Amino acid sequence: IIICALPMWRVTSVLGSNTMAPQSYSDGLWVT
């Protein structure tokens, strides 16, 4: 049940971006 709801199946980090832009993303089964 936890892995079904947890939006952290895949984590994408963006290196070298400015502080105002998103630094990382995480994708789950239902939300990103």
ModelCIF file with pLDDT and N, C-alpha, C, O atoms, coordinates in Angstrom:
data_MODEL
#
_entry.id   MODEL 
#
_entity.id                         1 
_entity.type                       polymer 
_entity.pdbx_number_of_molecules   1 
#
_entity_poly.entity_id                      1 
_entity_poly.type                           'polypeptide(L)' 
_entity_poly.nstd_linkage                   no 
_entity_poly.nstd_monomer                   no 
_entity_poly.pdbx_seq_one_letter_code       IIICALPMWRVTSVLGSNTMAPQSYSDGLWVT 
_entity_poly.pdbx_seq_one_letter_code_can   IIICALPMWRVTSVLGSNTMAPQSYSDGLWVT 
_entity_poly.pdbx_strand_id                 A 
#
loop_
_entity_poly_seq.entity_id 
_entity_poly_seq.num 
_entity_poly_seq.mon_id 
_entity_poly_seq.hetero 
1 1  ILE n 
1 2  ILE n 
1 3  ILE n 
1 4  CYS n 
1 5  ALA n 
1 6  LEU n 
1 7  PRO n 
1 8  MET n 
1 9  TRP n 
1 10 ARG n 
1 11 VAL n 
1 12 THR n 
1 13 SER n 
1 14 VAL n 
1 15 LEU n 
1 16 GLY n 
1 17 SER n 
1 18 ASN n 
1 19 THR n 
1 20 MET n 
1 21 ALA n 
1 22 PRO n 
1 23 GLN n 
1 24 SER n 
1 25 TYR n 
1 26 SER n 
1 27 ASP n 
1 28 GLY n 
1 29 LEU n 
1 30 TRP n 
1 31 VAL n 
1 32 THR n 
#
_struct_asym.id          A 
_struct_asym.entity_id   1 
#
loop_
_ma_qa_metric.id 
_ma_qa_metric.mode 
_ma_qa_metric.name 
_ma_qa_metric.software_group_id 
_ma_qa_metric.type 
1 global pLDDT . pLDDT 
2 local  pLDDT . pLDDT 
#
_ma_qa_metric_global.metric_id      1 
_ma_qa_metric_global.metric_value   81.44 
_ma_qa_metric_global.model_id       1 
_ma_qa_metric_global.ordinal_id     1 
#
loop_
_ma_qa_metric_local.label_asym_id 
_ma_qa_metric_local.label_comp_id 
_ma_qa_metric_local.label_seq_id 
_ma_qa_metric_local.metric_id 
_ma_qa_metric_local.metric_value 
_ma_qa_metric_local.model_id 
_ma_qa_metric_local.ordinal_id 
A ILE 1  2 96.00 1 1  
A ILE 2  2 96.00 1 2  
A ILE 3  2 96.00 1 3  
A CYS 4  2 95.00 1 4  
A ALA 5  2 94.00 1 5  
A LEU 6  2 92.00 1 6  
A PRO 7  2 91.00 1 7  
A MET 8  2 91.00 1 8  
A TRP 9  2 94.00 1 9  
A ARG 10 2 91.00 1 10 
A VAL 11 2 90.00 1 11 
A THR 12 2 86.00 1 12 
A SER 13 2 81.00 1 13 
A VAL 14 2 76.00 1 14 
A LEU 15 2 68.00 1 15 
A GLY 16 2 57.00 1 16 
A SER 17 2 51.00 1 17 
A ASN 18 2 52.00 1 18 
A THR 19 2 49.00 1 19 
A MET 20 2 55.00 1 20 
A ALA 21 2 57.00 1 21 
A PRO 22 2 56.00 1 22 
A GLN 23 2 78.00 1 23 
A SER 24 2 85.00 1 24 
A TYR 25 2 87.00 1 25 
A SER 26 2 90.00 1 26 
A ASP 27 2 91.00 1 27 
A GLY 28 2 92.00 1 28 
A LEU 29 2 93.00 1 29 
A TRP 30 2 93.00 1 30 
A VAL 31 2 92.00 1 31 
A THR 32 2 91.00 1 32 
#
loop_
_atom_site.group_PDB 
_atom_site.id 
_atom_site.type_symbol 
_atom_site.label_atom_id 
_atom_site.label_alt_id 
_atom_site.label_comp_id 
_atom_site.label_asym_id 
_atom_site.label_entity_id 
_atom_site.label_seq_id 
_atom_site.pdbx_PDB_ins_code 
_atom_site.Cartn_x 
_atom_site.Cartn_y 
_atom_site.Cartn_z 
_atom_site.occupancy 
_atom_site.B_iso_or_equiv 
_atom_site.pdbx_formal_charge 
_atom_site.auth_seq_id 
_atom_site.auth_comp_id 
_atom_site.auth_asym_id 
_atom_site.auth_atom_id 
_atom_site.pdbx_PDB_model_num 
ATOM 1   N N  . ILE A 1 1  ? 0.838  -1.202 0.000   1.00 96.00 ? 1  ILE A N  1 
ATOM 2   C CA . ILE A 1 1  ? 0.000  0.000  0.000   1.00 96.00 ? 1  ILE A CA 1 
ATOM 3   C C  . ILE A 1 1  ? 0.873  1.252  0.000   1.00 96.00 ? 1  ILE A C  1 
ATOM 4   O O  . ILE A 1 1  ? 0.552  2.241  -0.659  1.00 96.00 ? 1  ILE A O  1 
ATOM 5   N N  . ILE A 1 2  ? 1.978  1.202  0.743   1.00 96.00 ? 2  ILE A N  1 
ATOM 6   C CA . ILE A 1 2  ? 2.880  2.354  0.821   1.00 96.00 ? 2  ILE A CA 1 
ATOM 7   C C  . ILE A 1 2  ? 3.489  2.657  -0.542  1.00 96.00 ? 2  ILE A C  1 
ATOM 8   O O  . ILE A 1 2  ? 3.528  3.815  -0.957  1.00 96.00 ? 2  ILE A O  1 
ATOM 9   N N  . ILE A 1 3  ? 3.968  1.621  -1.248  1.00 96.00 ? 3  ILE A N  1 
ATOM 10  C CA . ILE A 1 3  ? 4.602  1.883  -2.542  1.00 96.00 ? 3  ILE A CA 1 
ATOM 11  C C  . ILE A 1 3  ? 3.574  2.301  -3.586  1.00 96.00 ? 3  ILE A C  1 
ATOM 12  O O  . ILE A 1 3  ? 3.917  2.975  -4.558  1.00 96.00 ? 3  ILE A O  1 
ATOM 13  N N  . CYS A 1 4  ? 2.328  1.912  -3.394  1.00 95.00 ? 4  CYS A N  1 
ATOM 14  C CA . CYS A 1 4  ? 1.286  2.343  -4.317  1.00 95.00 ? 4  CYS A CA 1 
ATOM 15  C C  . CYS A 1 4  ? 1.022  3.836  -4.180  1.00 95.00 ? 4  CYS A C  1 
ATOM 16  O O  . CYS A 1 4  ? 0.739  4.513  -5.168  1.00 95.00 ? 4  CYS A O  1 
ATOM 17  N N  . ALA A 1 5  ? 1.113  4.346  -2.964  1.00 94.00 ? 5  ALA A N  1 
ATOM 18  C CA . ALA A 1 5  ? 0.822  5.760  -2.720  1.00 94.00 ? 5  ALA A CA 1 
ATOM 19  C C  . ALA A 1 5  ? 2.057  6.643  -2.751  1.00 94.00 ? 5  ALA A C  1 
ATOM 20  O O  . ALA A 1 5  ? 1.946  7.843  -3.003  1.00 94.00 ? 5  ALA A O  1 
ATOM 21  N N  . LEU A 1 6  ? 3.233  6.076  -2.502  1.00 92.00 ? 6  LEU A N  1 
ATOM 22  C CA . LEU A 1 6  ? 4.446  6.892  -2.395  1.00 92.00 ? 6  LEU A CA 1 
ATOM 23  C C  . LEU A 1 6  ? 4.917  7.359  -3.778  1.00 92.00 ? 6  LEU A C  1 
ATOM 24  O O  . LEU A 1 6  ? 5.153  6.528  -4.654  1.00 92.00 ? 6  LEU A O  1 
ATOM 25  N N  . PRO A 1 7  ? 5.058  8.667  -3.987  1.00 91.00 ? 7  PRO A N  1 
ATOM 26  C CA . PRO A 1 7  ? 5.463  9.175  -5.311  1.00 91.00 ? 7  PRO A CA 1 
ATOM 27  C C  . PRO A 1 7  ? 6.981  9.207  -5.491  1.00 91.00 ? 7  PRO A C  1 
ATOM 28  O O  . PRO A 1 7  ? 7.539  10.226 -5.897  1.00 91.00 ? 7  PRO A O  1 
ATOM 29  N N  . MET A 1 8  ? 7.640  8.103  -5.194  1.00 91.00 ? 8  MET A N  1 
ATOM 30  C CA . MET A 1 8  ? 9.103  8.073  -5.296  1.00 91.00 ? 8  MET A CA 1 
ATOM 31  C C  . MET A 1 8  ? 9.572  6.759  -5.915  1.00 91.00 ? 8  MET A C  1 
ATOM 32  O O  . MET A 1 8  ? 10.400 6.052  -5.341  1.00 91.00 ? 8  MET A O  1 
ATOM 33  N N  . TRP A 1 9  ? 9.039  6.443  -7.082  1.00 94.00 ? 9  TRP A N  1 
ATOM 34  C CA . TRP A 1 9  ? 9.525  5.284  -7.816  1.00 94.00 ? 9  TRP A CA 1 
ATOM 35  C C  . TRP A 1 9  ? 10.798 5.632  -8.583  1.00 94.00 ? 9  TRP A C  1 
ATOM 36  O O  . TRP A 1 9  ? 11.744 4.845  -8.627  1.00 94.00 ? 9  TRP A O  1 
ATOM 37  N N  . ARG A 1 10 ? 10.811 6.798  -9.174  1.00 91.00 ? 10 ARG A N  1 
ATOM 38  C CA . ARG A 1 10 ? 11.972 7.234  -9.946  1.00 91.00 ? 10 ARG A CA 1 
ATOM 39  C C  . ARG A 1 10 ? 12.291 8.669  -9.560  1.00 91.00 ? 10 ARG A C  1 
ATOM 40  O O  . ARG A 1 10 ? 11.413 9.532  -9.584  1.00 91.00 ? 10 ARG A O  1 
ATOM 41  N N  . VAL A 1 11 ? 13.550 8.930  -9.204  1.00 90.00 ? 11 VAL A N  1 
ATOM 42  C CA . VAL A 1 11 ? 13.988 10.248 -8.773  1.00 90.00 ? 11 VAL A CA 1 
ATOM 43  C C  . VAL A 1 11 ? 14.957 10.786 -9.823  1.00 90.00 ? 11 VAL A C  1 
ATOM 44  O O  . VAL A 1 11 ? 15.949 10.135 -10.151 1.00 90.00 ? 11 VAL A O  1 
ATOM 45  N N  . THR A 1 12 ? 14.669 11.963 -10.341 1.00 86.00 ? 12 THR A N  1 
ATOM 46  C CA . THR A 1 12 ? 15.510 12.609 -11.352 1.00 86.00 ? 12 THR A CA 1 
ATOM 47  C C  . THR A 1 12 ? 16.062 13.893 -10.768 1.00 86.00 ? 12 THR A C  1 
ATOM 48  O O  . THR A 1 12 ? 15.304 14.768 -10.350 1.00 86.00 ? 12 THR A O  1 
ATOM 49  N N  . SER A 1 13 ? 17.392 14.009 -10.739 1.00 81.00 ? 13 SER A N  1 
ATOM 50  C CA . SER A 1 13 ? 18.054 15.196 -10.207 1.00 81.00 ? 13 SER A CA 1 
ATOM 51  C C  . SER A 1 13 ? 18.635 16.003 -11.359 1.00 81.00 ? 13 SER A C  1 
ATOM 52  O O  . SER A 1 13 ? 19.251 15.453 -12.272 1.00 81.00 ? 13 SER A O  1 
ATOM 53  N N  . VAL A 1 14 ? 18.428 17.323 -11.304 1.00 76.00 ? 14 VAL A N  1 
ATOM 54  C CA . VAL A 1 14 ? 18.958 18.241 -12.307 1.00 76.00 ? 14 VAL A CA 1 
ATOM 55  C C  . VAL A 1 14 ? 20.148 18.959 -11.696 1.00 76.00 ? 14 VAL A C  1 
ATOM 56  O O  . VAL A 1 14 ? 19.997 19.711 -10.733 1.00 76.00 ? 14 VAL A O  1 
ATOM 57  N N  . LEU A 1 15 ? 21.330 18.729 -12.249 1.00 68.00 ? 15 LEU A N  1 
ATOM 58  C CA . LEU A 1 15 ? 22.557 19.284 -11.699 1.00 68.00 ? 15 LEU A CA 1 
ATOM 59  C C  . LEU A 1 15 ? 22.897 20.606 -12.371 1.00 68.00 ? 15 LEU A C  1 
ATOM 60  O O  . LEU A 1 15 ? 22.695 20.782 -13.572 1.00 68.00 ? 15 LEU A O  1 
ATOM 61  N N  . GLY A 1 16 ? 23.410 21.517 -11.584 1.00 57.00 ? 16 GLY A N  1 
ATOM 62  C CA . GLY A 1 16 ? 23.910 22.771 -12.124 1.00 57.00 ? 16 GLY A CA 1 
ATOM 63  C C  . GLY A 1 16 ? 22.837 23.779 -12.486 1.00 57.00 ? 16 GLY A C  1 
ATOM 64  O O  . GLY A 1 16 ? 23.134 24.757 -13.172 1.00 57.00 ? 16 GLY A O  1 
ATOM 65  N N  . SER A 1 17 ? 21.613 23.581 -12.057 1.00 51.00 ? 17 SER A N  1 
ATOM 66  C CA . SER A 1 17 ? 20.559 24.548 -12.355 1.00 51.00 ? 17 SER A CA 1 
ATOM 67  C C  . SER A 1 17 ? 20.542 25.639 -11.303 1.00 51.00 ? 17 SER A C  1 
ATOM 68  O O  . SER A 1 17 ? 21.123 25.480 -10.229 1.00 51.00 ? 17 SER A O  1 
ATOM 69  N N  . ASN A 1 18 ? 19.876 26.754 -11.605 1.00 52.00 ? 18 ASN A N  1 
ATOM 70  C CA . ASN A 1 18 ? 19.820 27.838 -10.627 1.00 52.00 ? 18 ASN A CA 1 
ATOM 71  C C  . ASN A 1 18 ? 18.863 27.474 -9.504  1.00 52.00 ? 18 ASN A C  1 
ATOM 72  O O  . ASN A 1 18 ? 18.109 26.506 -9.601  1.00 52.00 ? 18 ASN A O  1 
ATOM 73  N N  . THR A 1 19 ? 18.905 28.263 -8.438  1.00 49.00 ? 19 THR A N  1 
ATOM 74  C CA . THR A 1 19 ? 18.135 27.926 -7.243  1.00 49.00 ? 19 THR A CA 1 
ATOM 75  C C  . THR A 1 19 ? 16.642 28.121 -7.420  1.00 49.00 ? 19 THR A C  1 
ATOM 76  O O  . THR A 1 19 ? 15.856 27.554 -6.661  1.00 49.00 ? 19 THR A O  1 
ATOM 77  N N  . MET A 1 20 ? 16.231 28.912 -8.407  1.00 55.00 ? 20 MET A N  1 
ATOM 78  C CA . MET A 1 20 ? 14.810 29.138 -8.600  1.00 55.00 ? 20 MET A CA 1 
ATOM 79  C C  . MET A 1 20 ? 14.144 28.011 -9.367  1.00 55.00 ? 20 MET A C  1 
ATOM 80  O O  . MET A 1 20 ? 12.919 27.891 -9.329  1.00 55.00 ? 20 MET A O  1 
ATOM 81  N N  . ALA A 1 21 ? 14.903 27.189 -10.058 1.00 57.00 ? 21 ALA A N  1 
ATOM 82  C CA . ALA A 1 21 ? 14.354 26.092 -10.844 1.00 57.00 ? 21 ALA A CA 1 
ATOM 83  C C  . ALA A 1 21 ? 14.295 24.830 -9.993  1.00 57.00 ? 21 ALA A C  1 
ATOM 84  O O  . ALA A 1 21 ? 15.053 24.692 -9.033  1.00 57.00 ? 21 ALA A O  1 
ATOM 85  N N  . PRO A 1 22 ? 13.418 23.929 -10.333 1.00 56.00 ? 22 PRO A N  1 
ATOM 86  C CA . PRO A 1 22 ? 13.361 22.667 -9.593  1.00 56.00 ? 22 PRO A CA 1 
ATOM 87  C C  . PRO A 1 22 ? 14.684 21.921 -9.656  1.00 56.00 ? 22 PRO A C  1 
ATOM 88  O O  . PRO A 1 22 ? 15.292 21.800 -10.719 1.00 56.00 ? 22 PRO A O  1 
ATOM 89  N N  . GLN A 1 23 ? 15.120 21.427 -8.515  1.00 78.00 ? 23 GLN A N  1 
ATOM 90  C CA . GLN A 1 23 ? 16.382 20.709 -8.429  1.00 78.00 ? 23 GLN A CA 1 
ATOM 91  C C  . GLN A 1 23 ? 16.205 19.211 -8.678  1.00 78.00 ? 23 GLN A C  1 
ATOM 92  O O  . GLN A 1 23 ? 17.134 18.549 -9.138  1.00 78.00 ? 23 GLN A O  1 
ATOM 93  N N  . SER A 1 24 ? 15.057 18.689 -8.387  1.00 85.00 ? 24 SER A N  1 
ATOM 94  C CA . SER A 1 24 ? 14.826 17.257 -8.573  1.00 85.00 ? 24 SER A CA 1 
ATOM 95  C C  . SER A 1 24 ? 13.343 16.988 -8.787  1.00 85.00 ? 24 SER A C  1 
ATOM 96  O O  . SER A 1 24 ? 12.474 17.777 -8.417  1.00 85.00 ? 24 SER A O  1 
ATOM 97  N N  . TYR A 1 25 ? 13.101 15.849 -9.395  1.00 87.00 ? 25 TYR A N  1 
ATOM 98  C CA . TYR A 1 25 ? 11.733 15.392 -9.651  1.00 87.00 ? 25 TYR A CA 1 
ATOM 99  C C  . TYR A 1 25 ? 11.615 13.958 -9.155  1.00 87.00 ? 25 TYR A C  1 
ATOM 100 O O  . TYR A 1 25 ? 12.596 13.215 -9.116  1.00 87.00 ? 25 TYR A O  1 
ATOM 101 N N  . SER A 1 26 ? 10.416 13.589 -8.785  1.00 90.00 ? 26 SER A N  1 
ATOM 102 C CA . SER A 1 26 ? 10.150 12.201 -8.428  1.00 90.00 ? 26 SER A CA 1 
ATOM 103 C C  . SER A 1 26 ? 8.821  11.782 -9.045  1.00 90.00 ? 26 SER A C  1 
ATOM 104 O O  . SER A 1 26 ? 7.832  12.514 -9.005  1.00 90.00 ? 26 SER A O  1 
ATOM 105 N N  . ASP A 1 27 ? 8.829  10.596 -9.609  1.00 91.00 ? 27 ASP A N  1 
ATOM 106 C CA . ASP A 1 27 ? 7.637  10.075 -10.271 1.00 91.00 ? 27 ASP A CA 1 
ATOM 107 C C  . ASP A 1 27 ? 7.090  8.896  -9.491  1.00 91.00 ? 27 ASP A C  1 
ATOM 108 O O  . ASP A 1 27 ? 7.835  8.006  -9.082  1.00 91.00 ? 27 ASP A O  1 
ATOM 109 N N  . GLY A 1 28 ? 5.779  8.900  -9.287  1.00 92.00 ? 28 GLY A N  1 
ATOM 110 C CA . GLY A 1 28 ? 5.097  7.780  -8.664  1.00 92.00 ? 28 GLY A CA 1 
ATOM 111 C C  . GLY A 1 28 ? 4.100  7.160  -9.612  1.00 92.00 ? 28 GLY A C  1 
ATOM 112 O O  . GLY A 1 28 ? 4.105  7.453  -10.808 1.00 92.00 ? 28 GLY A O  1 
ATOM 113 N N  . LEU A 1 29 ? 3.251  6.309  -9.090  1.00 93.00 ? 29 LEU A N  1 
ATOM 114 C CA . LEU A 1 29 ? 2.249  5.670  -9.932  1.00 93.00 ? 29 LEU A CA 1 
ATOM 115 C C  . LEU A 1 29 ? 1.111  6.613  -10.275 1.00 93.00 ? 29 LEU A C  1 
ATOM 116 O O  . LEU A 1 29 ? 0.468  6.455  -11.313 1.00 93.00 ? 29 LEU A O  1 
ATOM 117 N N  . TRP A 1 30 ? 0.853  7.591  -9.417  1.00 93.00 ? 30 TRP A N  1 
ATOM 118 C CA . TRP A 1 30 ? -0.319 8.440  -9.607  1.00 93.00 ? 30 TRP A CA 1 
ATOM 119 C C  . TRP A 1 30 ? 0.020  9.915  -9.710  1.00 93.00 ? 30 TRP A C  1 
ATOM 120 O O  . TRP A 1 30 ? -0.726 10.669 -10.335 1.00 93.00 ? 30 TRP A O  1 
ATOM 121 N N  . VAL A 1 31 ? 1.120  10.348 -9.119  1.00 92.00 ? 31 VAL A N  1 
ATOM 122 C CA . VAL A 1 31 ? 1.489  11.765 -9.143  1.00 92.00 ? 31 VAL A CA 1 
ATOM 123 C C  . VAL A 1 31 ? 2.970  11.899 -9.449  1.00 92.00 ? 31 VAL A C  1 
ATOM 124 O O  . VAL A 1 31 ? 3.740  10.949 -9.308  1.00 92.00 ? 31 VAL A O  1 
ATOM 125 N N  . THR A 1 32 ? 3.357  13.103 -9.870  1.00 91.00 ? 32 THR A N  1 
ATOM 126 C CA . THR A 1 32 ? 4.759  13.475 -10.048 1.00 91.00 ? 32 THR A CA 1 
ATOM 127 C C  . THR A 1 32 ? 5.028  14.722 -9.222  1.00 91.00 ? 32 THR A C  1 
ATOM 128 O O  . THR A 1 32 ? 6.151  15.226 -9.213  1.00 91.00 ? 32 THR A O  1 
#
